[in-house]
Amino acid sequence: MEYARAKKVLDRHQESIWRYPGVQGMGIEGAPGAEDGGREPSPEPLFRIVVHVDTRADVPDAPRSVEGVPLRFTVSGEFTAQPAPAG
């Protein structure tokens, strides 16, 4: 799974992913095996969509993929805005 494809899938489904309870953010991350940049054939996807949620209770049972791109839910707690650095 290349980054560009995973990003296009995220762009198409971002609005529906935001509807899950407790979602704080999302993005694309390298899955195990992405370290070689996809030079070695792998049965596993190289990239996946990571969804940050508030609590363990916010992790849904399904779905675990969208259009074949794996979803990984991770508990990161509530995100809060930080002031911009001075300078």
Protein backbone atom coordinates (compact mmCIF):
# COMPACT_ATOMS: atom_id res chain seq x y z
CA MET A 1 0.00 0.00 0.00
CA GLU A 2 1.63 3.18 -1.10
CA TYR A 3 1.33 6.47 0.76
CA ALA A 4 -0.48 8.28 -2.07
CA ARG A 5 -3.24 5.66 -2.22
CA ALA A 6 -3.70 5.67 1.56
CA LYS A 7 -3.89 9.49 1.52
CA LYS A 8 -6.56 9.49 -1.22
CA VAL A 9 -8.64 6.99 0.76
CA LEU A 10 -8.28 9.13 3.90
CA ASP A 11 -9.32 12.23 1.97
CA ARG A 12 -12.45 10.46 0.70
CA HIS A 13 -13.44 9.05 4.11
CA GLN A 14 -12.20 11.71 6.54
CA GLU A 15 -15.65 13.15 7.15
CA SER A 16 -17.13 9.76 8.08
CA ILE A 17 -14.16 8.90 10.33
CA TRP A 18 -14.72 12.14 12.27
CA ARG A 19 -18.18 10.78 13.16
CA TYR A 20 -16.71 8.04 15.37
CA PRO A 21 -17.01 8.96 19.08
CA GLY A 22 -13.97 10.55 20.67
CA VAL A 23 -11.95 11.14 17.49
CA GLN A 24 -9.26 13.77 18.08
CA GLY A 25 -7.33 13.49 14.83
CA MET A 26 -6.16 11.20 12.06
CA GLY A 27 -3.41 10.78 9.54
CA ILE A 28 -1.29 8.32 7.59
CA GLU A 29 1.44 6.29 9.26
CA GLY A 30 3.91 3.70 8.14
CA ALA A 31 2.87 0.17 8.98
CA PRO A 32 5.44 -2.46 9.97
CA GLY A 33 7.56 -3.11 6.88
CA ALA A 34 7.46 0.50 5.64
CA GLU A 35 11.07 1.08 6.70
CA ASP A 36 12.47 -0.09 3.36
CA GLY A 37 10.13 2.20 1.42
CA GLY A 38 8.41 -0.71 -0.26
CA ARG A 39 11.48 -2.07 -2.04
CA GLU A 40 10.94 -5.55 -0.59
CA PRO A 41 7.68 -7.28 -1.56
CA SER A 42 5.37 -7.58 1.41
CA PRO A 43 1.92 -9.11 1.85
CA GLU A 44 1.20 -6.40 4.41
CA PRO A 45 0.23 -2.80 3.58
CA LEU A 46 3.05 -0.28 3.97
CA PHE A 47 0.79 2.54 5.13
CA ARG A 48 -2.38 2.74 7.18
CA ILE A 49 -4.76 5.34 8.54
CA VAL A 50 -4.22 6.06 12.22
CA VAL A 51 -7.19 7.48 14.15
CA HIS A 52 -6.49 9.13 17.52
CA VAL A 53 -9.33 8.80 20.08
CA ASP A 54 -9.91 10.00 23.65
CA THR A 55 -10.37 6.73 25.51
CA ARG A 56 -10.27 2.95 25.05
CA ALA A 57 -14.09 2.98 25.08
CA ASP A 58 -13.97 5.07 21.88
CA VAL A 59 -12.19 2.31 19.90
CA PRO A 60 -14.85 0.70 17.67
CA ASP A 61 -15.08 -3.02 17.04
CA ALA A 62 -15.32 -2.42 13.28
CA PRO A 63 -14.45 -1.45 10.64
CA ARG A 64 -10.74 -2.16 10.69
CA SER A 65 -10.16 -1.00 7.11
CA VAL A 66 -11.56 1.38 4.51
CA GLU A 67 -11.23 0.52 0.81
CA GLY A 68 -8.55 -1.99 1.77
CA VAL A 69 -6.49 0.52 3.77
CA PRO A 70 -6.12 -0.65 7.38
CA LEU A 71 -7.39 1.58 10.20
CA ARG A 72 -5.47 1.67 13.47
CA PHE A 73 -7.21 3.30 16.42
CA THR A 74 -4.90 4.60 19.10
CA VAL A 75 -5.83 6.10 22.47
CA SER A 76 -4.10 9.45 22.78
CA GLY A 77 -6.47 11.35 25.04
CA GLU A 78 -7.99 14.70 24.26
CA PHE A 79 -5.93 17.02 22.07
CA THR A 80 -5.59 20.61 23.26
CA ALA A 81 -4.32 23.59 21.34
CA GLN A 82 -1.00 24.97 22.46
CA PRO A 83 0.06 28.59 22.08
CA ALA A 84 2.38 29.36 19.19
CA PRO A 85 6.06 29.54 20.17
CA ALA A 86 7.44 33.03 20.66
CA GLY A 87 9.77 34.38 18.05
